[in-house]
Amino acid sequence: MQNADNLSGRVADAPSDNWVYQALPRAAWPYAQLARWDRPIGWQLLMWPCFWSAALAAGAADRLGFFSPGQFLSHLVFFFLGAVAMRGAGCTYNDLVDHDIDMEVARTRSRPLPSGRVSRKEAKIFLAIQALVGLLVLVQFNAFSIVLGIASLLVVAIYPFAKRFTDWPQFFLGLAFSWGALMGWAGVFASISWASIFMFVAAVAWTIGYDTIYAHQDKEDDELIGVRSTARLFGDNTKPWLLGLYGLTLVFLFFSYIAAGVGFFAYLGLVVAAVMLGWQILILDIRNADQCLKLFKFNTKVGAILFAGLVLGLLI
């Protein structure tokens, strides 16, 4: 097993110049790594469907005559805090479940648990603290949203085990990471609608697509230890599958926009996002792990463009 000291307390798959290593004391590094604060792409991708849905609901509320800028901005803050807290809690839980698997994969051996820099007991305490922060954020919303948010925990609990019983663990990740597409609408209307359901389906397809790209980094190790993934399932046919998944993303976002009655700029953002998704498929080399990671991270820009279009559609 790779000794963590060889990386000076860092992990192999995160940038060594991350703010975590500049701003936090060394004793806090393992906990920041458990929460993936050194890899913000995770909470960003969890956050964007929340932001899309919040903007979609704000636009619908505006057209009905009860849009509240203060509520919209506060919801964005809560969704940001919730995304960071729950992404961290989910990653900590995932690392506890995958402790033995992470010891066998080159990219994950230096993580806090397999490297021995954090004990399982310490990780569980940290998990509880992050979950409590997530709960404190959740209770700022209406009762329907609270129940809806709690329901997502079932999917979160299943996801780390999915790679053991299905070739589609990315589908379960998609369900978990897309829940915010329902939450943003629920936070305003205390209900869900076809607009939010269509957005949820779109976000699930998007998540399966980008996480398939991500999973191509580990497919050789995954095959050796029997871990299943859509990257292994799709193999050399990944590009046609991505075309279908990203196509579904765009189609269902279009349906969502129609159902909610969004403005011109939202559709313009959708067109720009379509170009960005198509570009990923065009240049993808599934045998280039570095490129797969870069294209995976590029999806936060896709999420930002879609959000910007929805906000402009709301304001203009």
Protein backbone atom coordinates (compact mmCIF):
# COMPACT_ATOMS: atom_id res chain seq x y z
CA MET A 1 0.00 0.00 0.00
CA GLN A 2 1.23 3.50 -0.85
CA ASN A 3 2.43 5.29 2.26
CA ALA A 4 0.61 8.56 2.85
CA ASP A 5 3.90 10.16 3.92
CA ASN A 6 5.07 9.90 0.31
CA LEU A 7 2.45 12.52 -0.50
CA SER A 8 3.14 14.69 2.57
CA GLY A 9 -0.36 14.19 3.91
CA ARG A 10 -2.05 14.88 0.58
CA VAL A 11 -4.07 12.49 -1.58
CA ALA A 12 -3.05 11.27 -5.01
CA ASP A 13 -6.12 12.45 -6.91
CA ALA A 14 -6.40 16.04 -5.66
CA PRO A 15 -4.33 19.13 -6.51
CA SER A 16 -1.49 19.71 -4.05
CA ASP A 17 -1.92 23.50 -4.17
CA ASN A 18 -5.55 23.38 -3.04
CA TRP A 19 -6.68 25.93 -0.45
CA VAL A 20 -7.08 23.15 2.10
CA TYR A 21 -3.31 22.80 2.34
CA GLN A 22 -2.78 26.54 2.51
CA ALA A 23 -5.47 27.59 4.99
CA LEU A 24 -6.09 24.63 7.32
CA PRO A 25 -3.80 23.18 10.00
CA ARG A 26 -2.27 19.84 9.04
CA ALA A 27 -4.35 18.01 11.65
CA ALA A 28 -7.50 19.05 9.77
CA TRP A 29 -6.31 17.85 6.35
CA PRO A 30 -7.60 14.27 6.66
CA TYR A 31 -11.11 15.50 7.54
CA ALA A 32 -11.11 18.00 4.68
CA GLN A 33 -10.06 15.12 2.41
CA LEU A 34 -12.86 12.91 3.74
CA ALA A 35 -15.34 15.68 2.90
CA ARG A 36 -13.59 16.30 -0.45
CA TRP A 37 -13.13 20.00 0.30
CA ASP A 38 -9.92 19.67 -1.70
CA ARG A 39 -12.07 18.61 -4.69
CA PRO A 40 -14.87 21.17 -4.95
CA ILE A 41 -16.18 19.70 -8.21
CA GLY A 42 -18.31 17.25 -6.19
CA TRP A 43 -20.35 19.80 -4.25
CA GLN A 44 -20.55 22.00 -7.35
CA LEU A 45 -22.16 19.23 -9.39
CA LEU A 46 -24.53 18.48 -6.50
CA MET A 47 -25.38 22.17 -6.18
CA TRP A 48 -26.23 23.01 -9.81
CA PRO A 49 -29.53 21.07 -10.03
CA CYS A 50 -30.59 22.82 -6.79
CA PHE A 51 -29.72 26.20 -8.30
CA TRP A 52 -31.44 25.38 -11.61
CA SER A 53 -34.62 24.38 -9.80
CA ALA A 54 -34.53 27.42 -7.51
CA ALA A 55 -34.21 29.72 -10.54
CA LEU A 56 -36.91 27.81 -12.42
CA ALA A 57 -39.29 28.17 -9.46
CA ALA A 58 -38.41 31.83 -8.99
CA GLY A 59 -39.28 32.51 -12.62
CA ALA A 60 -42.60 30.69 -12.28
CA ALA A 61 -43.36 32.61 -9.07
CA ASP A 62 -42.54 35.87 -10.82
CA ARG A 63 -45.02 35.12 -13.56
CA LEU A 64 -47.64 34.37 -10.91
CA GLY A 65 -46.90 37.66 -9.15
CA PHE A 66 -45.24 36.53 -5.90
CA PHE A 67 -41.52 36.36 -6.67
CA SER A 68 -39.37 37.22 -3.63
CA PRO A 69 -35.74 38.22 -4.35
CA GLY A 70 -34.89 37.72 -0.68
CA GLN A 71 -36.27 34.20 -0.67
CA PHE A 72 -34.46 33.36 -3.91
CA LEU A 73 -31.09 34.57 -2.62
CA SER A 74 -31.53 32.86 0.76
CA HIS A 75 -32.42 29.59 -0.95
CA LEU A 76 -29.24 29.81 -3.03
CA VAL A 77 -27.19 30.28 0.14
CA PHE A 78 -28.90 27.35 1.85
CA PHE A 79 -28.45 25.12 -1.20
CA PHE A 80 -24.76 26.02 -1.33
CA LEU A 81 -24.27 25.19 2.35
CA GLY A 82 -26.34 22.04 2.03
CA ALA A 83 -24.43 20.87 -1.03
CA VAL A 84 -21.07 21.27 0.71
CA ALA A 85 -22.28 19.59 3.91
CA MET A 86 -24.13 16.70 2.30
CA ARG A 87 -21.49 16.08 -0.36
CA GLY A 88 -18.97 15.86 2.47
CA ALA A 89 -21.21 13.56 4.50
CA GLY A 90 -21.88 11.38 1.46
CA CYS A 91 -18.18 11.07 0.65
CA THR A 92 -17.33 10.23 4.25
CA TYR A 93 -20.03 7.55 4.28
CA ASN A 94 -18.84 6.26 0.92
CA ASP A 95 -15.25 6.01 2.18
CA LEU A 96 -16.41 4.06 5.24
CA VAL A 97 -18.29 1.61 3.02
CA ASP A 98 -15.48 1.37 0.45
CA HIS A 99 -12.59 1.20 2.93
CA ASP A 100 -11.33 -2.18 1.68
CA ILE A 101 -11.90 -1.36 -2.00
CA ASP A 102 -10.02 1.94 -1.71
CA MET A 103 -6.99 0.05 -0.42
CA GLU A 104 -6.87 -1.90 -3.69
CA VAL A 105 -7.20 1.03 -6.12
CA ALA A 106 -4.08 3.07 -6.89
CA ARG A 107 -5.94 6.39 -7.11
CA THR A 108 -7.62 5.99 -3.69
CA ARG A 109 -5.00 4.31 -1.49
CA SER A 110 -3.77 7.63 -0.14
CA ARG A 111 -7.21 8.68 1.14
CA PRO A 112 -7.47 9.21 4.92
CA LEU A 113 -9.07 5.87 5.86
CA PRO A 114 -6.99 3.40 3.78
CA SER A 115 -3.81 5.35 4.61
CA GLY A 116 -4.62 5.16 8.33
CA ARG A 117 -4.57 8.92 8.96
CA VAL A 118 -8.17 8.76 10.26
CA SER A 119 -9.79 5.94 12.22
CA ARG A 120 -13.23 4.59 11.40
CA LYS A 121 -14.56 5.98 14.68
CA GLU A 122 -13.24 9.45 13.89
CA ALA A 123 -14.74 9.27 10.40
CA LYS A 124 -18.14 8.30 11.81
CA ILE A 125 -18.10 11.24 14.24
CA PHE A 126 -17.20 13.59 11.39
CA LEU A 127 -19.99 12.09 9.30
CA ALA A 128 -22.50 12.82 12.07
CA ILE A 129 -21.34 16.44 12.37
CA GLN A 130 -21.73 17.04 8.63
CA ALA A 131 -25.14 15.38 8.59
CA LEU A 132 -26.23 17.65 11.45
CA VAL A 133 -25.18 20.72 9.44
CA GLY A 134 -27.20 19.38 6.50
CA LEU A 135 -30.22 18.91 8.77
CA LEU A 136 -29.92 22.46 10.11
CA VAL A 137 -29.97 23.72 6.53
CA LEU A 138 -32.92 21.51 5.58
CA VAL A 139 -35.16 22.73 8.40
CA GLN A 140 -34.94 26.26 6.98
CA PHE A 141 -37.36 25.14 4.25
CA ASN A 142 -41.06 24.31 4.32
CA ALA A 143 -42.41 21.02 5.71
CA PHE A 144 -42.90 19.44 2.28
CA SER A 145 -39.27 20.18 1.40
CA ILE A 146 -38.06 18.71 4.68
CA VAL A 147 -39.89 15.42 4.04
CA LEU A 148 -38.67 15.39 0.44
CA GLY A 149 -35.09 16.00 1.55
CA ILE A 150 -35.22 13.23 4.13
CA ALA A 151 -36.55 10.84 1.46
CA SER A 152 -33.34 11.36 -0.53
CA LEU A 153 -31.34 9.66 2.22
CA LEU A 154 -32.60 6.26 1.06
CA VAL A 155 -30.90 6.73 -2.31
CA VAL A 156 -27.77 8.13 -0.63
CA ALA A 157 -27.59 5.05 1.60
CA ILE A 158 -27.87 2.64 -1.35
CA TYR A 159 -25.38 4.31 -3.70
CA PRO A 160 -22.06 3.09 -2.19
CA PHE A 161 -23.27 -0.52 -2.48
CA ALA A 162 -24.62 -0.18 -6.04
CA LYS A 163 -21.27 -0.92 -7.67
CA ARG A 164 -21.45 -4.35 -6.07
CA PHE A 165 -24.81 -5.44 -7.51
CA THR A 166 -25.39 -3.49 -10.74
CA ASP A 167 -23.54 -2.24 -13.81
CA TRP A 168 -25.42 1.03 -13.34
CA PRO A 169 -24.11 2.54 -10.06
CA GLN A 170 -24.04 5.88 -11.90
CA PHE A 171 -27.84 5.72 -12.07
CA PHE A 172 -28.06 5.67 -8.28
CA LEU A 173 -25.54 8.50 -8.11
CA GLY A 174 -27.73 10.36 -10.58
CA LEU A 175 -30.78 9.95 -8.35
CA ALA A 176 -28.86 11.29 -5.36
CA PHE A 177 -27.12 14.16 -7.15
CA SER A 178 -30.28 15.26 -8.99
CA TRP A 179 -32.59 15.45 -5.98
CA GLY A 180 -31.99 19.18 -5.81
CA ALA A 181 -33.92 19.56 -9.07
CA LEU A 182 -37.00 18.70 -7.01
CA MET A 183 -35.93 20.60 -3.90
CA GLY A 184 -35.60 24.04 -5.47
CA TRP A 185 -39.16 23.95 -6.76
CA ALA A 186 -40.47 22.46 -3.53
CA GLY A 187 -38.81 25.23 -1.53
CA VAL A 188 -41.01 27.82 -3.27
CA PHE A 189 -44.26 25.96 -4.00
CA ALA A 190 -44.26 23.24 -1.29
CA SER A 191 -44.95 20.71 -4.04
CA ILE A 192 -43.39 19.19 -7.12
CA SER A 193 -44.55 19.77 -10.69
CA TRP A 194 -43.92 18.43 -14.17
CA ALA A 195 -41.36 21.19 -14.64
CA SER A 196 -39.32 19.95 -11.68
CA ILE A 197 -39.81 16.26 -12.58
CA PHE A 198 -38.56 16.89 -16.13
CA MET A 199 -35.56 18.75 -14.70
CA PHE A 200 -34.89 15.85 -12.32
CA VAL A 201 -34.85 13.34 -15.20
CA ALA A 202 -32.53 15.63 -17.17
CA ALA A 203 -30.14 15.93 -14.22
CA VAL A 204 -30.09 12.14 -13.72
CA ALA A 205 -29.11 11.58 -17.37
CA TRP A 206 -26.47 14.33 -17.13
CA THR A 207 -24.98 12.77 -13.99
CA ILE A 208 -24.79 9.28 -15.52
CA GLY A 209 -23.01 10.81 -18.50
CA TYR A 210 -20.35 12.82 -16.69
CA ASP A 211 -19.73 10.15 -14.05
CA THR A 212 -19.24 7.55 -16.79
CA ILE A 213 -16.45 9.75 -18.11
CA TYR A 214 -15.02 9.95 -14.59
CA ALA A 215 -15.25 6.18 -14.08
CA HIS A 216 -13.05 5.51 -17.10
CA GLN A 217 -10.09 6.54 -14.92
CA ASP A 218 -10.53 3.47 -12.73
CA LYS A 219 -11.90 0.84 -15.10
CA GLU A 220 -8.76 -1.34 -15.09
CA ASP A 221 -8.59 -1.42 -11.28
CA ASP A 222 -12.37 -1.87 -11.10
CA GLU A 223 -12.17 -4.90 -13.39
CA LEU A 224 -9.45 -6.49 -11.26
CA ILE A 225 -11.40 -6.15 -8.00
CA GLY A 226 -14.86 -6.75 -9.46
CA VAL A 227 -16.31 -3.25 -9.11
CA ARG A 228 -18.98 -2.53 -11.71
CA SER A 229 -19.66 0.74 -13.56
CA THR A 230 -21.18 2.17 -16.71
CA ALA A 231 -17.64 2.84 -17.93
CA ARG A 232 -16.98 -0.90 -17.93
CA LEU A 233 -20.44 -1.63 -19.31
CA PHE A 234 -20.26 0.85 -22.19
CA GLY A 235 -16.58 0.29 -22.97
CA ASP A 236 -15.69 1.35 -26.51
CA ASN A 237 -19.34 2.30 -27.10
CA THR A 238 -19.15 5.09 -24.53
CA LYS A 239 -19.54 7.90 -27.08
CA PRO A 240 -22.88 6.65 -28.49
CA TRP A 241 -24.15 6.16 -24.95
CA LEU A 242 -23.06 9.68 -24.00
CA LEU A 243 -24.81 11.01 -27.08
CA GLY A 244 -28.01 9.39 -25.84
CA LEU A 245 -27.57 10.46 -22.20
CA TYR A 246 -26.64 14.05 -22.95
CA GLY A 247 -29.39 14.12 -25.58
CA LEU A 248 -31.90 13.10 -22.90
CA THR A 249 -30.52 15.82 -20.65
CA LEU A 250 -31.18 18.49 -23.25
CA VAL A 251 -34.59 17.16 -24.27
CA PHE A 252 -35.91 16.96 -20.72
CA LEU A 253 -34.49 20.37 -19.81
CA PHE A 254 -36.35 21.70 -22.84
CA PHE A 255 -39.56 20.05 -21.58
CA SER A 256 -38.93 21.53 -18.13
CA TYR A 257 -38.43 25.00 -19.55
CA ILE A 258 -41.64 24.77 -21.58
CA ALA A 259 -43.60 23.56 -18.54
CA ALA A 260 -42.28 26.42 -16.41
CA GLY A 261 -42.57 29.10 -19.10
CA VAL A 262 -38.98 30.35 -18.92
CA GLY A 263 -37.63 33.33 -20.88
CA PHE A 264 -35.48 33.56 -24.00
CA PHE A 265 -32.13 33.59 -22.20
CA ALA A 266 -32.82 30.26 -20.53
CA TYR A 267 -33.18 28.67 -23.96
CA LEU A 268 -30.04 30.44 -25.11
CA GLY A 269 -28.19 28.92 -22.15
CA LEU A 270 -29.56 25.53 -23.14
CA VAL A 271 -28.15 25.93 -26.66
CA VAL A 272 -24.73 26.89 -25.28
CA ALA A 273 -24.83 23.90 -22.91
CA ALA A 274 -25.68 21.63 -25.87
CA VAL A 275 -22.55 22.79 -27.65
CA MET A 276 -20.46 22.19 -24.52
CA LEU A 277 -21.84 18.69 -24.05
CA GLY A 278 -21.33 17.85 -27.71
CA TRP A 279 -17.74 19.06 -27.52
CA GLN A 280 -17.08 16.65 -24.63
CA ILE A 281 -18.31 13.71 -26.68
CA LEU A 282 -16.35 14.81 -29.75
CA ILE A 283 -12.94 15.00 -28.10
CA LEU A 284 -13.31 12.25 -25.47
CA ASP A 285 -10.52 9.68 -25.34
CA ILE A 286 -11.57 7.04 -22.82
CA ARG A 287 -7.99 5.74 -22.61
CA ASN A 288 -6.65 9.10 -21.44
CA ALA A 289 -7.30 9.27 -17.69
CA ASP A 290 -6.11 12.88 -17.36
CA GLN A 291 -8.46 14.02 -20.11
CA CYS A 292 -11.37 12.08 -18.58
CA LEU A 293 -10.84 13.93 -15.30
CA LYS A 294 -10.68 17.31 -17.06
CA LEU A 295 -13.85 16.63 -19.06
CA PHE A 296 -15.63 15.45 -15.93
CA LYS A 297 -14.71 18.70 -14.15
CA PHE A 298 -15.74 20.71 -17.22
CA ASN A 299 -19.35 19.85 -16.42
CA THR A 300 -19.47 22.43 -13.63
CA LYS A 301 -19.19 25.03 -16.40
CA VAL A 302 -22.15 23.40 -18.13
CA GLY A 303 -24.13 23.67 -14.89
CA ALA A 304 -23.11 27.32 -14.47
CA ILE A 305 -24.18 28.22 -18.02
CA LEU A 306 -27.61 26.65 -17.53
CA PHE A 307 -28.06 28.50 -14.24
CA ALA A 308 -26.94 31.80 -15.76
CA GLY A 309 -29.46 31.39 -18.58
CA LEU A 310 -32.28 30.74 -16.11
CA VAL A 311 -31.33 33.76 -14.00
CA LEU A 312 -31.12 36.03 -17.03
CA GLY A 313 -34.47 34.69 -18.15
CA LEU A 314 -35.83 35.62 -14.75
CA LEU A 315 -34.34 39.12 -14.65
CA ILE A 316 -34.75 40.23 -18.26
